[in-house]
Amino acid sequence: MIEFSQSLVESARLGSGLGTVYRALDELVELYALEDAAVVVEVPGLGRQVLNAGRRPLGNDERGLHDASPGLYLFPALNDPVLNDLMMALGALGLRFDVRPEPGTHDVLADSPADVPVGGGATEGSR
């Protein structure tokens, strides 16, 4: 477990926001021996985003994640509300971090309310 934490912290310190989210999803898959993991977040100014473990495209979206409520989706399901909230927060922060504007450019995220809640949706996998 220490190895996971150190690599995730290192990614957060030195990598991209999205890279950190994908690394966290990959580590969840490995740690809990899951088939797959994805997080669906709704970020003001960016809309709905689906981030899938392994950075895999959703393809034909057999699990319906494009239309899913914001939340963490684990396959098989693992009901952990704290993990759900943490991954949704990490997903939203990772996206916001990576799209932050360069100094002197327009901030697309400033056009939307910043205090919109991240989620509160799904806490279990397949729906």
N, C-alpha and C. Protein backbone atom coordinates (compact mmCIF):
# COMPACT_ATOMS: atom_id res chain seq x y z
N MET A 1 0.82 -1.20 0.00
CA MET A 1 0.00 0.00 0.00
C MET A 1 0.86 1.25 0.00
N ILE A 2 1.99 1.25 0.66
CA ILE A 2 2.87 2.41 0.69
C ILE A 2 3.33 2.77 -0.71
N GLU A 3 3.63 1.75 -1.51
CA GLU A 3 4.07 1.99 -2.88
C GLU A 3 3.01 2.75 -3.68
N PHE A 4 1.73 2.37 -3.50
CA PHE A 4 0.65 3.07 -4.18
C PHE A 4 0.62 4.53 -3.76
N SER A 5 0.62 4.79 -2.47
CA SER A 5 0.51 6.15 -1.95
C SER A 5 1.65 7.02 -2.44
N GLN A 6 2.87 6.51 -2.40
CA GLN A 6 4.01 7.31 -2.82
C GLN A 6 3.91 7.65 -4.30
N SER A 7 3.52 6.69 -5.16
CA SER A 7 3.45 6.99 -6.58
C SER A 7 2.32 7.97 -6.88
N LEU A 8 1.23 7.87 -6.17
CA LEU A 8 0.12 8.79 -6.38
C LEU A 8 0.48 10.20 -5.91
N VAL A 9 1.12 10.30 -4.77
CA VAL A 9 1.56 11.60 -4.26
C VAL A 9 2.58 12.21 -5.22
N GLU A 10 3.50 11.41 -5.71
CA GLU A 10 4.50 11.89 -6.66
C GLU A 10 3.84 12.41 -7.93
N SER A 11 2.82 11.71 -8.41
CA SER A 11 2.09 12.15 -9.59
C SER A 11 1.40 13.48 -9.32
N ALA A 12 0.82 13.64 -8.15
CA ALA A 12 0.15 14.89 -7.80
C ALA A 12 1.14 16.04 -7.69
N ARG A 13 2.32 15.75 -7.16
CA ARG A 13 3.33 16.81 -7.00
C ARG A 13 3.95 17.24 -8.32
N LEU A 14 4.21 16.28 -9.19
CA LEU A 14 5.01 16.56 -10.38
C LEU A 14 4.27 16.41 -11.70
N GLY A 15 3.16 15.72 -11.70
CA GLY A 15 2.47 15.43 -12.96
C GLY A 15 1.31 16.36 -13.22
N SER A 16 0.49 15.94 -14.16
CA SER A 16 -0.70 16.71 -14.49
C SER A 16 -1.85 16.32 -13.57
N GLY A 17 -2.87 17.14 -13.53
CA GLY A 17 -4.04 16.82 -12.74
C GLY A 17 -4.75 15.59 -13.26
N LEU A 18 -4.95 15.53 -14.57
CA LEU A 18 -5.61 14.36 -15.16
C LEU A 18 -4.75 13.11 -15.01
N GLY A 19 -3.45 13.25 -15.14
CA GLY A 19 -2.56 12.12 -14.95
C GLY A 19 -2.70 11.53 -13.56
N THR A 20 -2.89 12.39 -12.57
CA THR A 20 -3.07 11.94 -11.20
C THR A 20 -4.39 11.19 -11.05
N VAL A 21 -5.45 11.68 -11.69
CA VAL A 21 -6.75 11.01 -11.62
C VAL A 21 -6.65 9.62 -12.26
N TYR A 22 -6.05 9.56 -13.44
CA TYR A 22 -5.91 8.26 -14.11
C TYR A 22 -5.05 7.30 -13.30
N ARG A 23 -4.00 7.81 -12.69
CA ARG A 23 -3.15 6.95 -11.85
C ARG A 23 -3.96 6.41 -10.67
N ALA A 24 -4.78 7.27 -10.05
CA ALA A 24 -5.61 6.82 -8.92
C ALA A 24 -6.60 5.74 -9.37
N LEU A 25 -7.22 5.92 -10.52
CA LEU A 25 -8.15 4.90 -11.03
C LEU A 25 -7.41 3.59 -11.28
N ASP A 26 -6.23 3.67 -11.88
CA ASP A 26 -5.45 2.46 -12.14
C ASP A 26 -5.07 1.76 -10.84
N GLU A 27 -4.73 2.53 -9.83
CA GLU A 27 -4.35 1.93 -8.54
C GLU A 27 -5.55 1.29 -7.85
N LEU A 28 -6.74 1.88 -8.01
CA LEU A 28 -7.95 1.25 -7.46
C LEU A 28 -8.20 -0.10 -8.12
N VAL A 29 -8.03 -0.14 -9.44
CA VAL A 29 -8.24 -1.40 -10.17
C VAL A 29 -7.28 -2.46 -9.65
N GLU A 30 -6.03 -2.09 -9.48
CA GLU A 30 -5.04 -3.06 -9.01
C GLU A 30 -5.27 -3.45 -7.54
N LEU A 31 -5.49 -2.46 -6.70
CA LEU A 31 -5.64 -2.71 -5.26
C LEU A 31 -6.81 -3.63 -4.95
N TYR A 32 -7.96 -3.39 -5.60
CA TYR A 32 -9.16 -4.16 -5.31
C TYR A 32 -9.43 -5.26 -6.34
N ALA A 33 -8.47 -5.52 -7.23
CA ALA A 33 -8.60 -6.55 -8.26
C ALA A 33 -9.90 -6.36 -9.05
N LEU A 34 -10.12 -5.12 -9.51
CA LEU A 34 -11.33 -4.79 -10.26
C LEU A 34 -11.15 -5.06 -11.75
N GLU A 35 -12.26 -5.21 -12.44
CA GLU A 35 -12.24 -5.29 -13.90
C GLU A 35 -12.01 -3.90 -14.50
N ASP A 36 -12.61 -2.89 -13.88
CA ASP A 36 -12.54 -1.54 -14.43
C ASP A 36 -12.98 -0.53 -13.37
N ALA A 37 -12.62 0.72 -13.62
CA ALA A 37 -13.03 1.82 -12.75
C ALA A 37 -13.14 3.07 -13.61
N ALA A 38 -14.11 3.90 -13.30
CA ALA A 38 -14.29 5.17 -14.01
C ALA A 38 -14.89 6.17 -13.04
N VAL A 39 -14.62 7.43 -13.28
CA VAL A 39 -15.23 8.49 -12.51
C VAL A 39 -15.90 9.45 -13.48
N VAL A 40 -17.14 9.81 -13.15
CA VAL A 40 -17.90 10.76 -13.95
C VAL A 40 -18.02 12.03 -13.12
N VAL A 41 -17.56 13.14 -13.68
CA VAL A 41 -17.64 14.42 -12.98
C VAL A 41 -18.29 15.46 -13.88
N GLU A 42 -18.93 16.40 -13.25
CA GLU A 42 -19.54 17.54 -13.94
C GLU A 42 -18.85 18.77 -13.40
N VAL A 43 -18.09 19.45 -14.26
CA VAL A 43 -17.30 20.61 -13.83
C VAL A 43 -17.82 21.85 -14.55
N PRO A 44 -18.25 22.87 -13.80
CA PRO A 44 -18.72 24.09 -14.44
C PRO A 44 -17.68 24.63 -15.42
N GLY A 45 -18.14 24.98 -16.61
CA GLY A 45 -17.24 25.48 -17.64
C GLY A 45 -16.65 24.38 -18.50
N LEU A 46 -16.70 23.14 -18.03
CA LEU A 46 -16.15 22.01 -18.79
C LEU A 46 -17.20 20.96 -19.11
N GLY A 47 -18.29 20.96 -18.35
CA GLY A 47 -19.34 19.98 -18.58
C GLY A 47 -19.02 18.62 -18.00
N ARG A 48 -19.74 17.62 -18.47
CA ARG A 48 -19.58 16.24 -17.98
C ARG A 48 -18.33 15.63 -18.60
N GLN A 49 -17.56 14.98 -17.74
CA GLN A 49 -16.35 14.29 -18.19
C GLN A 49 -16.36 12.88 -17.61
N VAL A 50 -15.97 11.91 -18.43
CA VAL A 50 -15.86 10.52 -17.99
C VAL A 50 -14.40 10.13 -18.12
N LEU A 51 -13.79 9.76 -17.00
CA LEU A 51 -12.39 9.36 -16.97
C LEU A 51 -12.35 7.88 -16.63
N ASN A 52 -11.73 7.09 -17.50
CA ASN A 52 -11.74 5.64 -17.39
C ASN A 52 -10.34 5.14 -17.05
N ALA A 53 -10.24 4.14 -16.18
CA ALA A 53 -8.95 3.56 -15.83
C ALA A 53 -8.20 3.14 -17.09
N GLY A 54 -6.89 3.26 -17.04
CA GLY A 54 -6.07 2.89 -18.19
C GLY A 54 -6.16 3.89 -19.32
N ARG A 55 -6.84 5.00 -19.09
CA ARG A 55 -7.07 6.01 -20.13
C ARG A 55 -7.72 5.41 -21.37
N ARG A 56 -8.47 4.32 -21.14
CA ARG A 56 -9.13 3.65 -22.25
C ARG A 56 -10.33 4.45 -22.73
N PRO A 57 -10.52 4.52 -24.03
CA PRO A 57 -11.74 5.15 -24.55
C PRO A 57 -12.95 4.28 -24.19
N LEU A 58 -14.09 4.88 -24.09
CA LEU A 58 -15.29 4.13 -23.71
C LEU A 58 -15.83 3.28 -24.85
N GLY A 59 -15.38 3.52 -26.06
CA GLY A 59 -15.86 2.72 -27.20
C GLY A 59 -17.35 2.86 -27.36
N ASN A 60 -18.05 1.73 -27.35
CA ASN A 60 -19.51 1.79 -27.51
C ASN A 60 -20.23 2.02 -26.18
N ASP A 61 -19.49 2.30 -25.13
CA ASP A 61 -20.05 2.67 -23.82
C ASP A 61 -21.10 1.68 -23.33
N GLU A 62 -20.72 0.40 -23.28
CA GLU A 62 -21.63 -0.66 -22.86
C GLU A 62 -22.23 -0.43 -21.47
N ARG A 63 -21.49 0.26 -20.62
CA ARG A 63 -21.96 0.47 -19.24
C ARG A 63 -22.76 1.76 -19.07
N GLY A 64 -22.93 2.51 -20.14
CA GLY A 64 -23.75 3.71 -20.10
C GLY A 64 -23.15 4.86 -19.30
N LEU A 65 -21.84 4.96 -19.26
CA LEU A 65 -21.20 6.00 -18.45
C LEU A 65 -21.39 7.40 -19.02
N HIS A 66 -21.58 7.54 -20.32
CA HIS A 66 -21.82 8.88 -20.88
C HIS A 66 -23.08 9.51 -20.31
N ASP A 67 -24.05 8.69 -19.98
CA ASP A 67 -25.32 9.19 -19.44
C ASP A 67 -25.44 9.00 -17.93
N ALA A 68 -24.39 8.51 -17.30
CA ALA A 68 -24.44 8.21 -15.86
C ALA A 68 -24.39 9.48 -15.02
N SER A 69 -24.95 9.40 -13.85
CA SER A 69 -24.84 10.49 -12.87
C SER A 69 -23.39 10.62 -12.42
N PRO A 70 -22.98 11.81 -12.00
CA PRO A 70 -21.62 11.93 -11.46
C PRO A 70 -21.40 10.95 -10.32
N GLY A 71 -20.23 10.35 -10.31
CA GLY A 71 -19.89 9.40 -9.27
C GLY A 71 -18.74 8.50 -9.69
N LEU A 72 -18.35 7.64 -8.80
CA LEU A 72 -17.31 6.66 -9.04
C LEU A 72 -17.98 5.34 -9.41
N TYR A 73 -17.55 4.74 -10.49
CA TYR A 73 -18.12 3.49 -10.97
C TYR A 73 -17.02 2.43 -10.97
N LEU A 74 -17.22 1.43 -10.12
CA LEU A 74 -16.26 0.33 -10.00
C LEU A 74 -16.93 -0.95 -10.46
N PHE A 75 -16.18 -1.78 -11.16
CA PHE A 75 -16.71 -3.03 -11.69
C PHE A 75 -15.79 -4.16 -11.28
N PRO A 76 -16.24 -5.08 -10.41
CA PRO A 76 -17.54 -5.11 -9.76
C PRO A 76 -17.69 -3.97 -8.75
N ALA A 77 -18.94 -3.71 -8.40
CA ALA A 77 -19.26 -2.59 -7.52
C ALA A 77 -18.63 -2.75 -6.14
N LEU A 78 -18.22 -1.62 -5.59
CA LEU A 78 -17.70 -1.54 -4.23
C LEU A 78 -18.33 -0.30 -3.63
N ASN A 79 -19.23 -0.45 -2.68
CA ASN A 79 -19.96 0.69 -2.13
C ASN A 79 -19.15 1.33 -1.02
N ASP A 80 -18.50 2.45 -1.34
CA ASP A 80 -17.69 3.19 -0.37
C ASP A 80 -17.93 4.68 -0.62
N PRO A 81 -18.86 5.30 0.11
CA PRO A 81 -19.20 6.70 -0.13
C PRO A 81 -18.01 7.65 0.02
N VAL A 82 -17.09 7.37 0.93
CA VAL A 82 -15.93 8.24 1.11
C VAL A 82 -15.03 8.17 -0.12
N LEU A 83 -14.78 6.97 -0.60
CA LEU A 83 -13.97 6.80 -1.80
C LEU A 83 -14.63 7.48 -2.99
N ASN A 84 -15.94 7.35 -3.10
CA ASN A 84 -16.70 8.01 -4.16
C ASN A 84 -16.46 9.52 -4.12
N ASP A 85 -16.64 10.12 -2.96
CA ASP A 85 -16.48 11.57 -2.83
C ASP A 85 -15.05 12.01 -3.11
N LEU A 86 -14.08 11.25 -2.60
CA LEU A 86 -12.68 11.60 -2.83
C LEU A 86 -12.31 11.54 -4.31
N MET A 87 -12.76 10.51 -5.01
CA MET A 87 -12.43 10.39 -6.43
C MET A 87 -13.14 11.45 -7.27
N MET A 88 -14.36 11.80 -6.88
CA MET A 88 -15.05 12.86 -7.61
C MET A 88 -14.35 14.20 -7.39
N ALA A 89 -13.93 14.46 -6.17
CA ALA A 89 -13.20 15.70 -5.89
C ALA A 89 -11.88 15.72 -6.64
N LEU A 90 -11.16 14.60 -6.62
CA LEU A 90 -9.89 14.52 -7.33
C LEU A 90 -10.10 14.73 -8.83
N GLY A 91 -11.15 14.13 -9.39
CA GLY A 91 -11.45 14.30 -10.81
C GLY A 91 -11.72 15.75 -11.16
N ALA A 92 -12.55 16.41 -10.37
CA ALA A 92 -12.87 17.81 -10.63
C ALA A 92 -11.64 18.70 -10.48
N LEU A 93 -10.88 18.48 -9.43
CA LEU A 93 -9.67 19.28 -9.22
C LEU A 93 -8.64 19.03 -10.31
N GLY A 94 -8.49 17.77 -10.73
CA GLY A 94 -7.54 17.44 -11.78
C GLY A 94 -7.89 18.14 -13.08
N LEU A 95 -9.16 18.14 -13.44
CA LEU A 95 -9.60 18.83 -14.66
C LEU A 95 -9.39 20.34 -14.54
N ARG A 96 -9.79 20.91 -13.42
CA ARG A 96 -9.65 22.36 -13.23
C ARG A 96 -8.18 22.76 -13.25
N PHE A 97 -7.32 21.94 -12.66
CA PHE A 97 -5.89 22.24 -12.63
C PHE A 97 -5.31 22.26 -14.04
N ASP A 98 -5.66 21.26 -14.83
CA ASP A 98 -5.08 21.15 -16.16
C ASP A 98 -5.60 22.18 -17.16
N VAL A 99 -6.76 22.78 -16.89
CA VAL A 99 -7.29 23.79 -17.82
C VAL A 99 -7.15 25.20 -17.28
N ARG A 100 -6.41 25.36 -16.19
CA ARG A 100 -6.24 26.71 -15.66
C ARG A 100 -5.56 27.57 -16.72
N PRO A 101 -5.93 28.83 -16.79
CA PRO A 101 -5.42 29.68 -17.86
C PRO A 101 -3.97 30.12 -17.63
N GLU A 102 -3.31 30.36 -18.72
CA GLU A 102 -2.00 30.98 -18.65
C GLU A 102 -2.21 32.44 -18.24
N PRO A 103 -1.25 33.05 -17.56
CA PRO A 103 -1.40 34.45 -17.18
C PRO A 103 -1.72 35.32 -18.40
N GLY A 104 -2.72 36.17 -18.25
CA GLY A 104 -3.10 37.10 -19.31
C GLY A 104 -4.08 36.53 -20.32
N THR A 105 -4.58 35.28 -20.12
CA THR A 105 -5.56 34.70 -21.03
C THR A 105 -6.90 34.59 -20.34
N HIS A 106 -7.94 34.32 -21.12
CA HIS A 106 -9.30 34.22 -20.59
C HIS A 106 -9.49 32.92 -19.81
N ASP A 107 -10.12 33.00 -18.66
CA ASP A 107 -10.40 31.84 -17.81
C ASP A 107 -11.82 31.36 -18.08
N VAL A 108 -11.96 30.25 -18.85
CA VAL A 108 -13.30 29.74 -19.16
C VAL A 108 -14.03 29.27 -17.92
N LEU A 109 -13.30 28.85 -16.90
CA LEU A 109 -13.96 28.39 -15.68
C LEU A 109 -14.54 29.54 -14.88
N ALA A 110 -14.03 30.75 -15.07
CA ALA A 110 -14.54 31.90 -14.34
C ALA A 110 -15.92 32.30 -14.85
N ASP A 111 -16.32 31.80 -16.01
CA ASP A 111 -17.63 32.12 -16.57
C ASP A 111 -18.75 31.34 -15.90
N SER A 112 -18.40 30.35 -15.07
CA SER A 112 -19.38 29.51 -14.40
C SER A 112 -19.21 29.64 -12.90
N PRO A 113 -20.29 29.42 -12.13
CA PRO A 113 -20.17 29.50 -10.68
C PRO A 113 -19.18 28.46 -10.16
N ALA A 114 -18.25 28.89 -9.33
CA ALA A 114 -17.22 27.99 -8.81
C ALA A 114 -17.72 27.14 -7.66
N ASP A 115 -18.83 27.54 -7.05
CA ASP A 115 -19.28 26.83 -5.86
C ASP A 115 -20.35 25.78 -6.15
N VAL A 116 -20.49 25.39 -7.41
CA VAL A 116 -21.44 24.34 -7.74
C VAL A 116 -20.90 23.04 -7.19
N PRO A 117 -21.71 22.27 -6.46
CA PRO A 117 -21.20 21.01 -5.90
C PRO A 117 -20.73 20.08 -6.99
N VAL A 118 -19.69 19.31 -6.66
CA VAL A 118 -19.11 18.38 -7.62
C VAL A 118 -20.04 17.24 -7.91
N GLY A 119 -20.74 16.74 -6.93
CA GLY A 119 -21.59 15.59 -7.21
C GLY A 119 -22.49 15.22 -6.08
N GLY A 120 -22.41 13.99 -5.71
CA GLY A 120 -23.32 13.46 -4.72
C GLY A 120 -24.13 12.35 -5.35
N GLY A 121 -23.64 11.90 -6.50
CA GLY A 121 -24.35 10.88 -7.26
C GLY A 121 -24.03 9.49 -6.82
N ALA A 122 -23.56 8.72 -7.74
CA ALA A 122 -23.41 7.27 -7.55
C ALA A 122 -22.34 6.92 -6.54
N THR A 123 -22.61 5.90 -5.75
CA THR A 123 -21.60 5.35 -4.85
C THR A 123 -21.40 3.87 -5.14
N GLU A 124 -21.98 3.40 -6.20
CA GLU A 124 -21.81 2.00 -6.54
C GLU A 124 -21.61 1.88 -8.03
N GLY A 125 -21.13 0.75 -8.45
CA GLY A 125 -20.74 0.53 -9.84
C GLY A 125 -21.89 0.38 -10.80
N SER A 126 -22.04 -0.78 -11.36
CA SER A 126 -22.96 -1.00 -12.47
C SER A 126 -24.39 -0.63 -12.09
N ARG A 127 -25.00 0.13 -12.98
CA ARG A 127 -26.39 0.57 -12.79
C ARG A 127 -27.21 0.11 -13.95
